[in-house]
């Protein structure tokens, strides 16, 4: 069994939570989904985050979209990826704006 450092475990939790909030079946994203899993397996958390971002960009309007972007935002903050976090913050504002309309 792989022994992950505590910091890596937290990144993994945020990424897994983000994936949880995406729709279960993503037929148009099977390649991205596979890349996400492969990158997680190899501990390439930034690349896994970017795979999820691409998947999220391909889908919108589902019930848990706001939660998805929140988890990506938390993951980016935790990994000190400030530019990613800023993009996700903008995306969160867009989703909230869409919910209020």
N, C-alpha and C. Protein backbone atom coordinates (compact mmCIF):
# COMPACT_ATOMS: atom_id res chain seq x y z
N UNK A 1 0.85 -1.18 0.00
CA UNK A 1 0.00 0.00 0.00
C UNK A 1 0.89 1.24 0.00
N UNK A 2 0.54 2.18 -0.84
CA UNK A 2 1.31 3.42 -0.96
C UNK A 2 1.11 4.29 0.27
N UNK A 3 2.20 4.85 0.77
CA UNK A 3 2.13 5.75 1.92
C UNK A 3 2.25 7.18 1.41
N UNK A 4 1.15 7.90 1.47
CA UNK A 4 1.10 9.27 0.99
C UNK A 4 1.44 10.22 2.13
N UNK A 5 2.21 11.27 1.86
CA UNK A 5 2.40 12.33 2.86
C UNK A 5 1.05 13.00 3.15
N UNK A 6 0.91 13.55 4.33
CA UNK A 6 -0.36 14.17 4.73
C UNK A 6 -0.81 15.25 3.75
N UNK A 7 0.11 16.05 3.27
CA UNK A 7 -0.21 17.12 2.32
C UNK A 7 -0.80 16.54 1.03
N UNK A 8 -0.23 15.46 0.55
CA UNK A 8 -0.73 14.81 -0.66
C UNK A 8 -2.11 14.21 -0.42
N UNK A 9 -2.33 13.67 0.77
CA UNK A 9 -3.64 13.10 1.10
C UNK A 9 -4.73 14.17 1.04
N UNK A 10 -4.42 15.36 1.52
CA UNK A 10 -5.41 16.43 1.49
C UNK A 10 -5.71 16.85 0.06
N UNK A 11 -4.69 16.95 -0.77
CA UNK A 11 -4.92 17.27 -2.19
C UNK A 11 -5.80 16.21 -2.83
N UNK A 12 -5.50 14.97 -2.53
CA UNK A 12 -6.27 13.85 -3.06
C UNK A 12 -7.74 13.94 -2.62
N UNK A 13 -7.97 14.31 -1.38
CA UNK A 13 -9.34 14.46 -0.88
C UNK A 13 -10.11 15.54 -1.64
N UNK A 14 -9.46 16.68 -1.85
CA UNK A 14 -10.13 17.76 -2.59
C UNK A 14 -10.45 17.33 -4.02
N UNK A 15 -9.50 16.67 -4.67
CA UNK A 15 -9.71 16.24 -6.05
C UNK A 15 -10.80 15.18 -6.14
N UNK A 16 -10.80 14.25 -5.20
CA UNK A 16 -11.84 13.22 -5.20
C UNK A 16 -13.21 13.84 -4.93
N UNK A 17 -13.26 14.82 -4.05
CA UNK A 17 -14.53 15.50 -3.78
C UNK A 17 -15.02 16.23 -5.02
N UNK A 18 -14.12 16.89 -5.73
CA UNK A 18 -14.52 17.59 -6.95
C UNK A 18 -15.11 16.59 -7.96
N UNK A 19 -14.44 15.47 -8.15
CA UNK A 19 -14.95 14.46 -9.10
C UNK A 19 -16.31 13.94 -8.65
N UNK A 20 -16.49 13.80 -7.36
CA UNK A 20 -17.76 13.32 -6.82
C UNK A 20 -18.92 14.21 -7.26
N UNK A 21 -18.68 15.51 -7.34
CA UNK A 21 -19.75 16.45 -7.67
C UNK A 21 -20.02 16.59 -9.17
N UNK A 22 -19.22 15.97 -10.00
CA UNK A 22 -19.52 15.94 -11.43
C UNK A 22 -20.60 14.89 -11.68
N UNK A 23 -21.32 14.99 -12.81
CA UNK A 23 -22.28 13.93 -13.13
C UNK A 23 -21.57 12.57 -13.18
N UNK A 24 -22.29 11.53 -12.81
CA UNK A 24 -21.69 10.19 -12.74
C UNK A 24 -21.21 9.74 -14.11
N UNK A 25 -22.06 9.86 -15.10
CA UNK A 25 -21.72 9.40 -16.45
C UNK A 25 -21.31 10.59 -17.31
N UNK A 26 -20.11 10.53 -17.81
CA UNK A 26 -19.57 11.59 -18.66
C UNK A 26 -19.14 10.97 -19.99
N UNK A 27 -20.09 10.61 -20.84
CA UNK A 27 -19.74 9.88 -22.06
C UNK A 27 -18.80 10.63 -22.99
N UNK A 28 -18.89 11.95 -23.01
CA UNK A 28 -18.04 12.71 -23.93
C UNK A 28 -16.65 12.96 -23.36
N UNK A 29 -16.40 12.50 -22.14
CA UNK A 29 -15.14 12.82 -21.47
C UNK A 29 -14.36 11.58 -21.05
N UNK A 30 -14.58 10.45 -21.67
CA UNK A 30 -13.94 9.23 -21.19
C UNK A 30 -12.42 9.33 -21.23
N UNK A 31 -11.86 9.98 -22.24
CA UNK A 31 -10.40 10.14 -22.30
C UNK A 31 -9.89 11.02 -21.17
N UNK A 32 -10.61 12.12 -20.89
CA UNK A 32 -10.20 13.02 -19.81
C UNK A 32 -10.34 12.34 -18.46
N UNK A 33 -11.41 11.55 -18.32
CA UNK A 33 -11.63 10.81 -17.08
C UNK A 33 -10.49 9.82 -16.85
N UNK A 34 -10.09 9.15 -17.89
CA UNK A 34 -8.98 8.19 -17.78
C UNK A 34 -7.68 8.92 -17.44
N UNK A 35 -7.44 10.06 -18.06
CA UNK A 35 -6.24 10.85 -17.75
C UNK A 35 -6.26 11.29 -16.29
N UNK A 36 -7.42 11.72 -15.82
CA UNK A 36 -7.55 12.13 -14.42
C UNK A 36 -7.14 11.00 -13.49
N UNK A 37 -7.71 9.82 -13.71
CA UNK A 37 -7.39 8.67 -12.85
C UNK A 37 -5.92 8.28 -12.93
N UNK A 38 -5.38 8.31 -14.13
CA UNK A 38 -3.97 7.96 -14.33
C UNK A 38 -3.06 8.95 -13.60
N UNK A 39 -3.38 10.22 -13.71
CA UNK A 39 -2.57 11.25 -13.05
C UNK A 39 -2.66 11.15 -11.54
N UNK A 40 -3.84 10.84 -11.02
CA UNK A 40 -3.96 10.63 -9.58
C UNK A 40 -3.10 9.45 -9.14
N UNK A 41 -3.18 8.39 -9.90
CA UNK A 41 -2.42 7.18 -9.57
C UNK A 41 -0.92 7.46 -9.47
N UNK A 42 -0.44 8.36 -10.30
CA UNK A 42 0.99 8.69 -10.31
C UNK A 42 1.33 9.88 -9.40
N UNK A 43 0.35 10.39 -8.67
CA UNK A 43 0.60 11.49 -7.76
C UNK A 43 0.82 12.82 -8.45
N UNK A 44 0.36 12.95 -9.68
CA UNK A 44 0.50 14.20 -10.44
C UNK A 44 -0.76 15.04 -10.21
N UNK A 45 -0.83 15.64 -9.02
CA UNK A 45 -2.07 16.28 -8.60
C UNK A 45 -2.41 17.53 -9.41
N UNK A 46 -1.43 18.31 -9.80
CA UNK A 46 -1.75 19.49 -10.61
C UNK A 46 -2.33 19.07 -11.96
N UNK A 47 -1.75 18.05 -12.57
CA UNK A 47 -2.27 17.58 -13.85
C UNK A 47 -3.66 16.96 -13.68
N UNK A 48 -3.89 16.27 -12.57
CA UNK A 48 -5.22 15.72 -12.29
C UNK A 48 -6.24 16.86 -12.13
N UNK A 49 -5.84 17.90 -11.43
CA UNK A 49 -6.70 19.07 -11.25
C UNK A 49 -7.05 19.68 -12.61
N UNK A 50 -6.07 19.79 -13.48
CA UNK A 50 -6.30 20.37 -14.80
C UNK A 50 -7.20 19.47 -15.66
N UNK A 51 -7.10 18.17 -15.48
CA UNK A 51 -8.01 17.26 -16.19
C UNK A 51 -9.44 17.48 -15.72
N UNK A 52 -9.63 17.60 -14.41
CA UNK A 52 -10.97 17.87 -13.89
C UNK A 52 -11.49 19.22 -14.37
N UNK A 53 -10.61 20.18 -14.44
CA UNK A 53 -11.02 21.50 -14.93
C UNK A 53 -11.57 21.39 -16.36
N UNK A 54 -10.87 20.65 -17.20
CA UNK A 54 -11.33 20.48 -18.59
C UNK A 54 -12.69 19.78 -18.64
N UNK A 55 -12.84 18.76 -17.81
CA UNK A 55 -14.12 18.06 -17.76
C UNK A 55 -15.22 19.02 -17.29
N UNK A 56 -14.93 19.80 -16.26
CA UNK A 56 -15.91 20.76 -15.76
C UNK A 56 -16.29 21.80 -16.79
N UNK A 57 -15.33 22.21 -17.59
CA UNK A 57 -15.61 23.20 -18.64
C UNK A 57 -16.53 22.63 -19.72
N UNK A 58 -16.51 21.30 -19.91
CA UNK A 58 -17.34 20.67 -20.93
C UNK A 58 -18.78 20.45 -20.47
N UNK A 59 -19.02 20.61 -19.18
CA UNK A 59 -20.34 20.37 -18.62
C UNK A 59 -20.77 21.57 -17.79
N UNK A 60 -22.03 21.88 -17.87
CA UNK A 60 -22.55 22.96 -17.03
C UNK A 60 -24.04 22.74 -16.82
N UNK A 61 -24.56 23.39 -15.81
CA UNK A 61 -25.99 23.34 -15.55
C UNK A 61 -26.45 22.13 -14.75
N UNK A 62 -25.55 21.31 -14.25
CA UNK A 62 -25.97 20.17 -13.44
C UNK A 62 -26.10 20.61 -11.99
N UNK A 63 -26.77 19.81 -11.19
CA UNK A 63 -27.17 20.21 -9.83
C UNK A 63 -26.01 20.58 -8.93
N UNK A 64 -24.90 19.88 -9.01
CA UNK A 64 -23.79 20.09 -8.08
C UNK A 64 -22.62 20.87 -8.69
N UNK A 65 -22.88 21.62 -9.74
CA UNK A 65 -21.81 22.35 -10.40
C UNK A 65 -21.09 23.32 -9.46
N UNK A 66 -21.84 24.01 -8.63
CA UNK A 66 -21.24 24.95 -7.69
C UNK A 66 -20.27 24.23 -6.75
N UNK A 67 -20.68 23.08 -6.24
CA UNK A 67 -19.81 22.32 -5.33
C UNK A 67 -18.55 21.84 -6.04
N UNK A 68 -18.69 21.43 -7.30
CA UNK A 68 -17.53 21.00 -8.08
C UNK A 68 -16.47 22.09 -8.14
N UNK A 69 -16.88 23.30 -8.51
CA UNK A 69 -15.92 24.40 -8.63
C UNK A 69 -15.36 24.82 -7.28
N UNK A 70 -16.17 24.70 -6.22
CA UNK A 70 -15.66 25.00 -4.87
C UNK A 70 -14.54 24.04 -4.51
N UNK A 71 -14.74 22.76 -4.76
CA UNK A 71 -13.71 21.77 -4.42
C UNK A 71 -12.45 21.98 -5.26
N UNK A 72 -12.61 22.31 -6.53
CA UNK A 72 -11.42 22.61 -7.34
C UNK A 72 -10.70 23.83 -6.81
N UNK A 73 -11.47 24.82 -6.40
CA UNK A 73 -10.89 26.03 -5.81
C UNK A 73 -10.10 25.68 -4.55
N UNK A 74 -10.69 24.89 -3.66
CA UNK A 74 -10.00 24.48 -2.43
C UNK A 74 -8.73 23.69 -2.75
N UNK A 75 -8.81 22.82 -3.75
CA UNK A 75 -7.64 22.04 -4.15
C UNK A 75 -6.53 22.95 -4.65
N UNK A 76 -6.88 23.90 -5.50
CA UNK A 76 -5.89 24.82 -6.05
C UNK A 76 -5.26 25.67 -4.94
N UNK A 77 -6.08 26.13 -4.02
CA UNK A 77 -5.54 26.90 -2.90
C UNK A 77 -4.58 26.05 -2.07
N UNK A 78 -5.00 24.83 -1.78
CA UNK A 78 -4.16 23.94 -0.97
C UNK A 78 -2.82 23.66 -1.64
N UNK A 79 -2.85 23.54 -2.97
CA UNK A 79 -1.62 23.25 -3.72
C UNK A 79 -0.85 24.52 -4.08
N UNK A 80 -1.31 25.67 -3.60
CA UNK A 80 -0.68 26.97 -3.87
C UNK A 80 -0.61 27.26 -5.37
N UNK A 81 -1.68 26.91 -6.07
CA UNK A 81 -1.79 27.20 -7.50
C UNK A 81 -2.70 28.43 -7.64
N UNK A 82 -2.11 29.58 -7.42
CA UNK A 82 -2.88 30.82 -7.33
C UNK A 82 -3.63 31.17 -8.61
N UNK A 83 -3.02 30.95 -9.76
CA UNK A 83 -3.71 31.27 -11.02
C UNK A 83 -4.91 30.36 -11.23
N UNK A 84 -4.75 29.10 -10.88
CA UNK A 84 -5.87 28.17 -10.98
C UNK A 84 -6.99 28.60 -10.04
N UNK A 85 -6.63 28.90 -8.79
CA UNK A 85 -7.62 29.31 -7.80
C UNK A 85 -8.38 30.55 -8.28
N UNK A 86 -7.68 31.49 -8.88
CA UNK A 86 -8.33 32.70 -9.39
C UNK A 86 -9.33 32.36 -10.50
N UNK A 87 -8.97 31.43 -11.40
CA UNK A 87 -9.89 31.01 -12.46
C UNK A 87 -11.13 30.36 -11.87
N UNK A 88 -10.93 29.54 -10.84
CA UNK A 88 -12.07 28.83 -10.25
C UNK A 88 -12.96 29.79 -9.46
N UNK A 89 -12.36 30.81 -8.90
CA UNK A 89 -13.15 31.81 -8.19
C UNK A 89 -14.06 32.55 -9.18
N UNK A 90 -13.53 32.87 -10.34
CA UNK A 90 -14.35 33.51 -11.38
C UNK A 90 -15.46 32.56 -11.83
N UNK A 91 -15.11 31.29 -12.00
CA UNK A 91 -16.10 30.30 -12.42
C UNK A 91 -17.20 30.17 -11.35
N UNK A 92 -16.82 30.18 -10.09
CA UNK A 92 -17.81 30.13 -9.02
C UNK A 92 -18.78 31.31 -9.10
N UNK A 93 -18.25 32.49 -9.34
CA UNK A 93 -19.10 33.67 -9.46
C UNK A 93 -20.05 33.54 -10.65
N UNK A 94 -19.57 32.99 -11.75
CA UNK A 94 -20.42 32.79 -12.92
C UNK A 94 -21.55 31.80 -12.64
N UNK A 95 -21.21 30.72 -11.93
CA UNK A 95 -22.23 29.72 -11.61
C UNK A 95 -23.26 30.30 -10.64
N UNK A 96 -22.81 31.02 -9.64
CA UNK A 96 -23.74 31.66 -8.70
C UNK A 96 -24.63 32.65 -9.44
N UNK A 97 -24.05 33.42 -10.34
CA UNK A 97 -24.83 34.36 -11.15
C UNK A 97 -25.88 33.66 -11.97
N UNK A 98 -25.54 32.50 -12.51
CA UNK A 98 -26.49 31.72 -13.29
C UNK A 98 -27.61 31.16 -12.44
N UNK A 99 -27.30 30.82 -11.21
CA UNK A 99 -28.32 30.30 -10.29
C UNK A 99 -29.30 31.39 -9.87
N UNK A 100 -28.81 32.62 -9.78
CA UNK A 100 -29.65 33.72 -9.33
C UNK A 100 -30.53 34.27 -10.46
N UNK A 101 -30.15 33.96 -11.68
CA UNK A 101 -30.92 34.49 -12.83
C UNK A 101 -32.22 33.78 -13.05
